Amino acid sequence: MNDKQNDKLRMNAVTFIDDWGKVRLTISISDDGSPYIAVLNPSGEISALFSVTPDQEPYISRTK
């Protein structure tokens, strides 16, 4: 993902960071209204996306 996409996904999100600052989970809603959880690495880049909608099975998209 490029920086513009990363910035867009981080907007209006709730982010949880572990005590060591190594894992960040961001919960937000995509442009189409679907909720997702993004896993960010320590530098803030998105390494995986988890998306679930009520009418679908869980969907995992790895970006790296």
C-alpha atoms as a PDB file:
ATOM      1  CA  MET A   1       0.000   0.000   0.000  1.00  0.00           C
ATOM      2  CA  ASN A   2       1.218   3.489  -0.671  1.00  0.00           C
ATOM      3  CA  ASP A   3       1.414   6.305   1.888  1.00  0.00           C
ATOM      4  CA  LYS A   4      -1.801   7.941   0.667  1.00  0.00           C
ATOM      5  CA  GLN A   5      -3.744   4.697   1.215  1.00  0.00           C
ATOM      6  CA  ASN A   6      -2.164   4.203   4.653  1.00  0.00           C
ATOM      7  CA  ASP A   7      -3.105   7.749   5.699  1.00  0.00           C
ATOM      8  CA  LYS A   8      -6.677   7.293   4.474  1.00  0.00           C
ATOM      9  CA  LEU A   9      -7.089   4.051   6.429  1.00  0.00           C
ATOM     10  CA  ARG A  10      -5.778   5.658   9.619  1.00  0.00           C
ATOM     11  CA  MET A  11      -8.286   8.525   9.537  1.00  0.00           C
ATOM     12  CA  ASN A  12     -11.198   8.275  12.001  1.00  0.00           C
ATOM     13  CA  ALA A  13      -9.841   5.065  13.493  1.00  0.00           C
ATOM     14  CA  VAL A  14      -9.322   3.632  16.958  1.00  0.00           C
ATOM     15  CA  THR A  15      -5.803   2.269  17.441  1.00  0.00           C
ATOM     16  CA  PHE A  16      -4.610  -0.104  20.162  1.00  0.00           C
ATOM     17  CA  ILE A  17      -0.868  -0.383  20.838  1.00  0.00           C
ATOM     18  CA  ASP A  18       0.728  -3.069  22.985  1.00  0.00           C
ATOM     19  CA  ASP A  19       2.978  -2.150  25.933  1.00  0.00           C
ATOM     20  CA  TRP A  20       6.123  -2.586  23.843  1.00  0.00           C
ATOM     21  CA  GLY A  21       4.893  -0.575  20.852  1.00  0.00           C
ATOM     22  CA  LYS A  22       5.422  -3.507  18.512  1.00  0.00           C
ATOM     23  CA  VAL A  23       1.858  -4.324  17.477  1.00  0.00           C
ATOM     24  CA  ARG A  24      -0.842  -1.854  16.549  1.00  0.00           C
ATOM     25  CA  LEU A  25      -4.410  -2.813  15.733  1.00  0.00           C
ATOM     26  CA  THR A  26      -6.513  -0.137  14.066  1.00  0.00           C
ATOM     27  CA  ILE A  27     -10.292  -0.481  13.877  1.00  0.00           C
ATOM     28  CA  SER A  28     -12.083   1.662  11.321  1.00  0.00           C
ATOM     29  CA  ILE A  29     -14.562   1.716   8.441  1.00  0.00           C
ATOM     30  CA  SER A  30     -13.562   1.667   4.769  1.00  0.00           C
ATOM     31  CA  ASP A  31     -14.974   3.969   2.082  1.00  0.00           C
ATOM     32  CA  ASP A  32     -17.691   1.438   1.242  1.00  0.00           C
ATOM     33  CA  GLY A  33     -18.820   1.284   4.882  1.00  0.00           C
ATOM     34  CA  SER A  34     -17.263  -2.092   5.711  1.00  0.00           C
ATOM     35  CA  PRO A  35     -15.610  -2.402   9.125  1.00  0.00           C
ATOM     36  CA  TYR A  36     -12.031  -3.656   9.218  1.00  0.00           C
ATOM     37  CA  ILE A  37      -9.085  -4.223  11.523  1.00  0.00           C
ATOM     38  CA  ALA A  38      -5.642  -3.273  10.219  1.00  0.00           C
ATOM     39  CA  VAL A  39      -2.441  -4.681  11.716  1.00  0.00           C
ATOM     40  CA  LEU A  40       0.348  -2.109  11.611  1.00  0.00           C
ATOM     41  CA  ASN A  41       4.061  -2.709  12.057  1.00  0.00           C
ATOM     42  CA  PRO A  42       6.150  -0.506  14.421  1.00  0.00           C
ATOM     43  CA  SER A  43       6.782   2.062  11.668  1.00  0.00           C
ATOM     44  CA  GLY A  44       3.028   2.439  11.118  1.00  0.00           C
ATOM     45  CA  GLU A  45       2.762   0.618   7.783  1.00  0.00           C
ATOM     46  CA  ILE A  46      -0.213  -1.679   7.313  1.00  0.00           C
ATOM     47  CA  SER A  47       0.898  -5.313   7.096  1.00  0.00           C
ATOM     48  CA  ALA A  48      -2.515  -7.048   7.073  1.00  0.00           C
ATOM     49  CA  LEU A  49      -6.197  -6.159   6.824  1.00  0.00           C
ATOM     50  CA  PHE A  50      -9.051  -8.134   8.368  1.00  0.00           C
ATOM     51  CA  SER A  51     -12.546  -7.322   7.122  1.00  0.00           C
ATOM     52  CA  VAL A  52     -15.895  -8.784   8.152  1.00  0.00           C
ATOM     53  CA  THR A  53     -19.357  -7.793   6.973  1.00  0.00           C
ATOM     54  CA  PRO A  54     -22.581  -9.307   8.310  1.00  0.00           C
ATOM     55  CA  ASP A  55     -23.345 -11.119   5.036  1.00  0.00           C
ATOM     56  CA  GLN A  56     -19.839 -12.463   4.378  1.00  0.00           C
ATOM     57  CA  GLU A  57     -17.319 -14.842   5.814  1.00  0.00           C
ATOM     58  CA  PRO A  58     -14.260 -13.251   7.457  1.00  0.00           C
ATOM     59  CA  TYR A  59     -11.845 -11.960   4.825  1.00  0.00           C
ATOM     60  CA  ILE A  60      -8.109 -11.508   5.310  1.00  0.00           C
ATOM     61  CA  SER A  61      -5.979  -9.456   2.939  1.00  0.00           C
ATOM     62  CA  ARG A  62      -2.232  -9.452   3.435  1.00  0.00           C
ATOM     63  CA  THR A  63      -0.506  -6.439   1.982  1.00  0.00           C
ATOM     64  CA  LYS A  64       3.079  -7.707   2.216  1.00  0.00           C
END
